[in-house]
Amino acid sequence: MRIVDSHTAGEPTRVVIADGPDLGSGSLIERRLIFRDRFDHYRRLAIHEPRGSDAIVGALLCQPDEPSCDAAVIFFNNCGVLNMCGHGIMGVAATLAYLERVKPGVIRIQTPVGTVEANLLTKNEVAVENIPSYRYRKQVTLQIEELGTITGDIAWGGNWFFLVEQSPVPVKPEYIKQLSDASALIRKELREQQITGADGEEIDHIELYGTSESEDAHSRNFVYCPGGAYDRSPCGTGTSAKLACLAADGKLKPGEQWIQESIIGSRFVATYRIDPELGIIPTIRGSAYICGEGRLIQQPGDPFRNGIDMIMPSEKLPLVRE
């Protein structure tokens, strides 16, 4: 399996550029299901130890079935396939530029939830016009024994998010474990209360906000991903969901910049426009850098040739405090 590794604002993307699974010639949605149901060992090979890590997001390059698109991609992580990935789109665009498959300018990339446009400003700087984003529910209140009262918005930015404006834990790197524990408790409560996104979709991302440590950034976030890892970047789909909430509250005007800082201090610059039919269309700008390329090798007799089957942390168990 041939790969190119990059990072976007610190968050890694592993693009499979050749020797991936044969998913046939159906629609991208159909191919995503085939990848999920029949070729999960490819996902484990690319993401799980000993060849990968929980932080990596995989991106399988595919032929688009939309004639106007330059490429198509299926995203996946340590627990399964994803709907979309904002930082991953930037990583894919930078990878295509590195491979000299595209030139600076607008690249149309098909994803299972819609087509996005990645404007390759330089070989490393990318502005992604995301799919339409919206707030689904405002100020949903949870009562969690370990955390107290937690209030957040439910919003869509390509994935489903529960956005907590006032984090119960300081949004600082030294509190990453506590932030992860708190986020796991919030997601567990959402599941137990059967609180979902539209059409019963699971809210699998938790986004906690705090005060930025930079004078020119508007806030700092911590994003807890479906497989229990945290996003090193400010999260493209999460920032899109944030813009939808800000727009709905009248706190950010179309074209006005929002600078979102991540838990490690990296940042995205975000704006949105309003489409008369589709609603809020976010644009997220960030930088992606190539950090490796090569082949993932499976040798006969290797007991972990398809990766180590990771034991995911259970959100049904009581919180363990050190």
Protein backbone atom coordinates (compact mmCIF):
# COMPACT_ATOMS: atom_id res chain seq x y z
CA MET A 1 0.00 0.00 0.00
CA ARG A 2 1.57 3.28 -1.13
CA ILE A 3 1.01 6.26 1.15
CA VAL A 4 1.87 9.93 1.60
CA ASP A 5 1.74 11.35 5.12
CA SER A 6 1.05 14.98 5.92
CA HIS A 7 -0.09 17.05 8.85
CA THR A 8 -2.57 19.91 8.89
CA ALA A 9 -2.06 22.25 11.83
CA GLY A 10 -0.47 19.30 13.64
CA GLU A 11 -3.16 16.71 12.83
CA PRO A 12 -1.87 13.84 10.64
CA THR A 13 -3.45 12.62 7.41
CA ARG A 14 -2.33 9.39 5.69
CA VAL A 15 -3.37 9.38 2.03
CA VAL A 16 -3.49 5.98 0.32
CA ILE A 17 -2.36 6.81 -3.22
CA ALA A 18 -2.03 3.28 -4.70
CA ASP A 19 -2.49 -0.44 -3.96
CA GLY A 20 -5.63 0.07 -1.90
CA PRO A 21 -8.69 -2.21 -2.13
CA ASP A 22 -10.69 -2.65 -5.33
CA LEU A 23 -14.08 -1.13 -4.47
CA GLY A 24 -15.63 -1.49 -7.91
CA SER A 25 -17.14 1.27 -10.00
CA GLY A 26 -20.30 2.19 -8.12
CA SER A 27 -21.13 5.54 -6.57
CA LEU A 28 -18.79 6.89 -3.92
CA ILE A 29 -21.46 6.23 -1.28
CA GLU A 30 -21.66 2.60 -2.41
CA ARG A 31 -17.87 2.27 -2.44
CA ARG A 32 -17.69 3.72 1.07
CA LEU A 33 -20.05 0.98 2.28
CA ILE A 34 -18.00 -1.71 0.50
CA PHE A 35 -14.84 -0.36 2.12
CA ARG A 36 -16.53 -0.38 5.52
CA ASP A 37 -18.09 -3.83 5.25
CA ARG A 38 -15.57 -5.85 3.22
CA PHE A 39 -12.17 -4.19 3.48
CA ASP A 40 -11.84 -3.09 7.08
CA HIS A 41 -8.48 -4.87 7.27
CA TYR A 42 -7.09 -2.19 4.93
CA ARG A 43 -8.26 0.48 7.38
CA ARG A 44 -6.65 -1.35 10.30
CA LEU A 45 -3.43 -1.85 8.36
CA ALA A 46 -3.14 1.87 7.61
CA ILE A 47 -4.25 3.29 10.97
CA HIS A 48 -3.59 0.85 13.79
CA GLU A 49 -0.26 0.14 15.43
CA PRO A 50 2.42 -0.95 14.62
CA ARG A 51 2.22 1.08 11.37
CA GLY A 52 -0.04 3.90 12.54
CA SER A 53 -1.49 5.57 15.62
CA ASP A 54 -4.83 6.71 17.01
CA ALA A 55 -4.23 10.29 15.86
CA ILE A 56 -3.96 9.47 12.15
CA VAL A 57 -6.90 10.05 9.80
CA GLY A 58 -6.74 7.96 6.65
CA ALA A 59 -7.83 9.13 3.22
CA LEU A 60 -8.37 6.60 0.43
CA LEU A 61 -8.03 8.31 -2.96
CA CYS A 62 -10.70 7.15 -5.41
CA GLN A 63 -11.93 7.95 -8.88
CA PRO A 64 -14.80 10.46 -8.63
CA ASP A 65 -18.18 9.57 -10.09
CA GLU A 66 -19.00 13.27 -10.35
CA PRO A 67 -17.59 14.46 -13.72
CA SER A 68 -16.77 17.93 -12.37
CA CYS A 69 -14.51 16.59 -9.60
CA ASP A 70 -10.73 16.24 -9.73
CA ALA A 71 -10.58 13.52 -7.08
CA ALA A 72 -12.71 11.58 -4.62
CA VAL A 73 -11.84 10.44 -1.12
CA ILE A 74 -13.10 8.13 1.62
CA PHE A 75 -11.94 9.14 5.08
CA PHE A 76 -11.39 6.72 7.96
CA ASN A 77 -9.84 6.64 11.42
CA ASN A 78 -9.07 4.29 14.29
CA CYS A 79 -12.68 3.20 14.76
CA GLY A 80 -14.19 3.20 11.25
CA VAL A 81 -15.11 5.29 8.22
CA LEU A 82 -15.90 9.01 8.53
CA ASN A 83 -18.38 11.24 6.74
CA MET A 84 -15.95 14.09 6.04
CA CYS A 85 -12.75 15.58 7.38
CA GLY A 86 -11.79 19.24 7.00
CA HIS A 87 -8.13 18.94 7.96
CA GLY A 88 -8.00 15.79 5.82
CA ILE A 89 -9.19 17.68 2.73
CA MET A 90 -6.30 20.11 3.23
CA GLY A 91 -3.93 17.17 3.58
CA VAL A 92 -5.30 15.55 0.41
CA ALA A 93 -4.93 18.83 -1.53
CA ALA A 94 -1.33 19.28 -0.34
CA THR A 95 -0.60 15.64 -1.22
CA LEU A 96 -2.00 16.02 -4.75
CA ALA A 97 0.17 19.14 -5.18
CA TYR A 98 3.23 17.29 -3.86
CA LEU A 99 2.60 14.50 -6.37
CA GLU A 100 2.20 17.16 -9.09
CA ARG A 101 -1.27 15.87 -9.94
CA VAL A 102 -2.80 19.33 -9.50
CA LYS A 103 -1.68 22.94 -9.83
CA PRO A 104 -2.51 25.90 -7.57
CA GLY A 105 -6.14 26.90 -7.88
CA VAL A 106 -9.49 25.34 -7.08
CA ILE A 107 -9.67 21.55 -6.73
CA ARG A 108 -13.06 19.88 -6.52
CA ILE A 109 -12.99 16.85 -4.21
CA GLN A 110 -15.93 14.48 -3.88
CA THR A 111 -16.73 13.08 -0.43
CA PRO A 112 -19.57 10.74 0.60
CA VAL A 113 -21.51 13.71 2.04
CA GLY A 114 -20.97 16.10 -0.85
CA THR A 115 -18.41 17.87 -3.00
CA VAL A 116 -16.05 20.39 -1.44
CA GLU A 117 -13.78 22.90 -3.12
CA ALA A 118 -10.17 23.18 -1.96
CA ASN A 119 -8.46 26.34 -3.17
CA LEU A 120 -4.76 25.53 -3.25
CA LEU A 121 -3.33 28.99 -2.52
CA THR A 122 0.24 27.67 -2.34
CA LYS A 123 1.62 24.14 -2.21
CA ASN A 124 0.91 24.18 1.54
CA GLU A 125 -1.87 26.70 2.18
CA VAL A 126 -5.40 25.55 1.42
CA ALA A 127 -8.80 27.21 1.77
CA VAL A 128 -11.62 24.65 1.89
CA GLU A 129 -15.18 25.64 1.03
CA ASN A 130 -17.08 23.03 3.00
CA ILE A 131 -20.54 21.56 2.55
CA PRO A 132 -23.56 23.47 3.94
CA SER A 133 -23.48 23.59 7.74
CA TYR A 134 -26.22 24.32 10.25
CA ARG A 135 -27.21 24.30 13.90
CA TYR A 136 -29.73 21.59 14.67
CA ARG A 137 -30.54 22.31 18.33
CA LYS A 138 -29.58 25.16 20.65
CA GLN A 139 -28.65 24.96 24.35
CA VAL A 140 -29.22 21.31 25.09
CA THR A 141 -28.67 20.74 28.81
CA LEU A 142 -27.17 17.60 30.33
CA GLN A 143 -26.84 16.66 33.98
CA ILE A 144 -23.66 14.66 34.51
CA GLU A 145 -22.75 13.58 38.02
CA GLU A 146 -19.00 14.06 37.60
CA LEU A 147 -19.27 17.36 35.70
CA GLY A 148 -22.48 19.04 36.83
CA THR A 149 -24.66 20.92 34.34
CA ILE A 150 -23.34 20.93 30.79
CA THR A 151 -25.02 22.99 28.06
CA GLY A 152 -24.17 22.77 24.38
CA ASP A 153 -25.42 23.17 20.82
CA ILE A 154 -25.85 20.36 18.31
CA ALA A 155 -24.55 21.29 14.86
CA TRP A 156 -23.54 19.75 11.54
CA GLY A 157 -20.35 20.70 9.71
CA GLY A 158 -19.76 17.45 7.82
CA ASN A 159 -19.85 15.47 11.08
CA TRP A 160 -22.18 15.82 14.07
CA PHE A 161 -20.90 17.90 16.99
CA PHE A 162 -21.96 18.76 20.51
CA LEU A 163 -20.38 22.18 21.10
CA VAL A 164 -19.89 23.30 24.71
CA GLU A 165 -19.14 27.03 24.93
CA GLN A 166 -17.94 26.87 28.54
CA SER A 167 -15.68 23.85 28.96
CA PRO A 168 -15.89 22.15 32.39
CA VAL A 169 -12.11 21.68 32.20
CA PRO A 170 -9.49 24.32 31.27
CA VAL A 171 -8.74 24.09 27.53
CA LYS A 172 -4.99 23.81 27.97
CA PRO A 173 -2.54 21.10 26.82
CA GLU A 174 -1.73 20.01 30.37
CA TYR A 175 -5.41 19.04 30.82
CA ILE A 176 -5.74 16.84 27.73
CA LYS A 177 -6.49 13.69 29.75
CA GLN A 178 -9.13 15.46 31.83
CA LEU A 179 -10.62 17.03 28.70
CA SER A 180 -10.80 13.59 27.08
CA ASP A 181 -12.43 12.08 30.17
CA ALA A 182 -15.00 14.88 30.32
CA SER A 183 -15.76 14.58 26.60
CA ALA A 184 -16.25 10.82 26.93
CA LEU A 185 -18.74 11.41 29.75
CA ILE A 186 -20.65 13.96 27.65
CA ARG A 187 -20.85 11.60 24.68
CA LYS A 188 -21.95 8.76 26.95
CA GLU A 189 -24.76 10.91 28.35
CA LEU A 190 -25.89 11.92 24.86
CA ARG A 191 -26.11 8.25 23.93
CA GLU A 192 -27.95 7.27 27.10
CA GLN A 193 -30.44 10.12 26.67
CA GLN A 194 -30.80 9.20 22.97
CA ILE A 195 -29.97 12.76 21.96
CA THR A 196 -28.94 12.72 18.32
CA GLY A 197 -28.42 14.79 15.22
CA ALA A 198 -30.94 14.89 12.37
CA ASP A 199 -32.51 11.56 11.33
CA GLY A 200 -31.19 9.89 14.47
CA GLU A 201 -27.53 10.31 13.47
CA GLU A 202 -25.09 9.78 16.32
CA ILE A 203 -23.30 12.84 17.72
CA ASP A 204 -19.81 11.35 17.68
CA HIS A 205 -17.68 14.51 18.07
CA ILE A 206 -17.50 16.60 21.25
CA GLU A 207 -16.09 20.14 21.04
CA LEU A 208 -15.16 22.08 24.17
CA TYR A 209 -14.31 25.80 24.07
CA GLY A 210 -12.15 28.03 26.20
CA THR A 211 -10.29 31.34 26.05
CA SER A 212 -7.56 31.66 23.45
CA GLU A 213 -4.03 32.31 24.62
CA SER A 214 -3.37 34.44 21.52
CA GLU A 215 -4.64 38.00 21.33
CA ASP A 216 -5.79 37.71 17.73
CA ALA A 217 -7.61 34.35 18.02
CA HIS A 218 -11.25 34.27 19.05
CA SER A 219 -11.25 31.04 21.06
CA ARG A 220 -9.40 27.80 21.72
CA ASN A 221 -11.03 24.41 21.28
CA PHE A 222 -10.60 20.77 22.21
CA VAL A 223 -12.18 18.27 19.85
CA TYR A 224 -12.80 14.67 20.96
CA CYS A 225 -13.04 12.34 17.97
CA PRO A 226 -15.11 9.13 17.56
CA GLY A 227 -12.25 6.75 18.35
CA GLY A 228 -11.20 8.48 21.57
CA ALA A 229 -8.31 10.50 20.10
CA TYR A 230 -8.23 14.30 20.22
CA ASP A 231 -7.79 16.56 17.22
CA ARG A 232 -4.46 18.35 17.15
CA SER A 233 -5.86 20.86 14.65
CA PRO A 234 -8.80 23.21 15.30
CA CYS A 235 -10.92 20.69 13.29
CA GLY A 236 -12.32 21.78 9.94
CA THR A 237 -15.78 20.24 10.29
CA GLY A 238 -15.93 21.34 13.93
CA THR A 239 -15.03 24.91 13.01
CA SER A 240 -17.72 24.77 10.31
CA ALA A 241 -20.25 23.69 12.95
CA LYS A 242 -19.06 26.55 15.16
CA LEU A 243 -19.60 29.08 12.36
CA ALA A 244 -23.14 27.77 11.90
CA CYS A 245 -23.87 28.43 15.59
CA LEU A 246 -22.27 31.89 15.51
CA ALA A 247 -24.25 32.80 12.39
CA ALA A 248 -27.50 31.53 13.90
CA ASP A 249 -26.93 33.72 16.98
CA GLY A 250 -26.01 36.78 14.90
CA LYS A 251 -22.52 36.86 16.41
CA LEU A 252 -20.60 36.59 13.13
CA LYS A 253 -21.48 38.27 9.85
CA PRO A 254 -20.96 36.74 6.39
CA GLY A 255 -17.36 37.32 5.28
CA GLU A 256 -16.20 38.22 8.80
CA GLN A 257 -13.18 36.22 9.96
CA TRP A 258 -13.18 33.82 12.89
CA ILE A 259 -9.75 32.62 14.03
CA GLN A 260 -10.03 29.26 15.75
CA GLU A 261 -7.12 28.04 17.84
CA SER A 262 -6.55 24.36 18.67
CA ILE A 263 -5.51 22.73 21.91
CA ILE A 264 -1.87 22.80 20.71
CA GLY A 265 -2.05 26.44 19.55
CA SER A 266 -2.36 25.86 15.79
CA ARG A 267 -5.10 27.74 13.98
CA PHE A 268 -7.61 27.95 11.16
CA VAL A 269 -9.03 31.16 9.71
CA ALA A 270 -12.72 30.74 8.93
CA THR A 271 -15.44 32.72 7.17
CA TYR A 272 -18.83 31.88 5.71
CA ARG A 273 -21.19 32.97 2.99
CA ILE A 274 -24.93 32.45 2.74
CA ASP A 275 -26.36 30.56 -0.21
CA PRO A 276 -30.04 31.45 -0.77
CA GLU A 277 -30.96 27.77 -1.14
CA LEU A 278 -28.33 25.87 0.88
CA GLY A 279 -27.72 28.20 3.82
CA ILE A 280 -24.34 28.66 5.52
CA ILE A 281 -21.31 27.68 3.43
CA PRO A 282 -18.11 27.82 5.52
CA THR A 283 -14.60 28.36 4.20
CA ILE A 284 -11.73 27.14 6.39
CA ARG A 285 -8.14 28.15 5.65
CA GLY A 286 -5.11 26.36 7.03
CA SER A 287 -1.74 24.87 6.13
CA ALA A 288 -0.72 21.28 5.44
CA TYR A 289 2.81 19.94 5.12
CA ILE A 290 4.12 16.67 3.71
CA CYS A 291 6.07 14.70 6.31
CA GLY A 292 6.59 11.29 4.74
CA GLU A 293 5.92 8.87 1.92
CA GLY A 294 6.46 5.17 1.37
CA ARG A 295 4.87 1.74 1.40
CA LEU A 296 3.13 -0.21 4.14
CA ILE A 297 4.37 -3.79 3.97
CA GLN A 298 2.72 -7.04 5.09
CA GLN A 299 5.12 -9.95 5.51
CA PRO A 300 3.92 -13.58 5.60
CA GLY A 301 3.72 -14.90 9.14
CA ASP A 302 3.35 -11.47 10.74
CA PRO A 303 0.61 -11.89 13.39
CA PHE A 304 -0.10 -8.16 13.14
CA ARG A 305 -0.01 -7.90 9.34
CA ASN A 306 -3.44 -6.18 9.46
CA GLY A 307 -2.58 -4.06 12.48
CA ILE A 308 -3.20 -4.62 16.16
CA ASP A 309 -6.90 -4.87 17.00
CA MET A 310 -7.11 -1.95 19.37
CA ILE A 311 -9.22 -2.10 22.51
CA MET A 312 -11.24 1.09 22.41
CA PRO A 313 -11.99 2.82 25.74
CA SER A 314 -15.48 2.03 26.97
CA GLU A 315 -17.75 4.96 27.78
CA LYS A 316 -19.97 2.63 29.81
CA LEU A 317 -17.35 2.06 32.47
CA PRO A 318 -16.99 4.43 35.44
CA LEU A 319 -14.49 7.26 35.11
CA VAL A 320 -11.06 6.26 36.41
CA ARG A 321 -9.18 9.12 38.00
CA GLU A 322 -5.46 9.03 38.69
